[in-house]
Amino acid sequence: MEWAEKEPDIVIGGVGDGGNFVRMTFPFLQGQVAGRARYRIVAVQPRACALLTRETLAMI
């Protein structure tokens, strides 16, 4: 972001396939907690993953 001299309004990270969400959003969360910036952070997942929904977790 520094090279572009821009900050995002929304940060979208994938959940359910490892630590991608944490790696993508953690740098932005640090800025938000410190009060330097304000972002909308959105977690997304594939339909087959029951991590964020109320579906039953099962192997396909």
Protein backbone atom coordinates (compact mmCIF):
# COMPACT_ATOMS: atom_id res chain seq x y z
CA MET A 1 0.00 0.00 0.00
CA GLU A 2 2.89 2.34 0.69
CA TRP A 3 4.12 2.29 -2.91
CA ALA A 4 0.64 3.19 -4.18
CA GLU A 5 0.20 5.87 -1.50
CA LYS A 6 -3.39 4.67 -1.05
CA GLU A 7 -5.26 2.84 1.68
CA PRO A 8 -8.17 0.43 1.07
CA ASP A 9 -11.71 1.06 2.23
CA ILE A 10 -12.49 -2.67 2.42
CA VAL A 11 -10.21 -5.63 3.13
CA ILE A 12 -11.58 -9.04 2.03
CA GLY A 13 -9.95 -12.25 3.21
CA GLY A 14 -10.75 -15.92 2.66
CA VAL A 15 -11.61 -18.09 5.68
CA GLY A 16 -11.57 -21.86 5.85
CA ASP A 17 -8.45 -22.64 3.86
CA GLY A 18 -5.73 -22.02 6.39
CA GLY A 19 -4.37 -18.74 7.71
CA ASN A 20 -5.08 -16.58 4.66
CA PHE A 21 -7.59 -14.40 6.50
CA VAL A 22 -5.19 -13.71 9.35
CA ARG A 23 -2.27 -12.98 7.03
CA MET A 24 -4.38 -10.67 4.88
CA THR A 25 -6.14 -8.70 7.61
CA PHE A 26 -3.65 -8.55 10.50
CA PRO A 27 -1.61 -5.59 9.16
CA PHE A 28 -4.84 -3.62 8.69
CA LEU A 29 -6.16 -4.57 12.13
CA GLN A 30 -2.99 -3.20 13.70
CA GLY A 31 -3.59 0.18 12.07
CA GLN A 32 -7.23 0.17 13.06
CA VAL A 33 -6.53 -0.70 16.70
CA ALA A 34 -3.85 2.00 16.87
CA GLY A 35 -6.37 4.54 15.53
CA ARG A 36 -4.35 5.33 12.38
CA ALA A 37 -6.97 4.06 9.94
CA ARG A 38 -10.47 2.66 9.64
CA TYR A 39 -11.22 -0.28 7.37
CA ARG A 40 -14.19 -2.53 6.74
CA ILE A 41 -12.89 -6.09 7.11
CA VAL A 42 -14.95 -8.87 5.47
CA ALA A 43 -14.43 -12.63 5.91
CA VAL A 44 -15.55 -14.81 3.00
CA GLN A 45 -15.68 -18.57 2.57
CA PRO A 46 -16.49 -21.12 -0.12
CA ARG A 47 -20.03 -22.47 -0.02
CA ALA A 48 -18.72 -25.97 0.80
CA CYS A 49 -17.08 -24.74 4.01
CA ALA A 50 -19.26 -24.69 7.13
CA LEU A 51 -16.90 -22.58 9.23
CA LEU A 52 -18.92 -19.34 9.26
CA THR A 53 -22.38 -20.78 8.67
CA ARG A 54 -24.71 -22.96 10.68
CA GLU A 55 -24.30 -25.91 8.34
CA THR A 56 -22.97 -29.23 9.55
CA LEU A 57 -19.27 -29.72 8.99
CA ALA A 58 -18.81 -32.89 6.92
CA MET A 59 -16.40 -34.38 4.41
CA ILE A 60 -17.63 -34.38 0.82
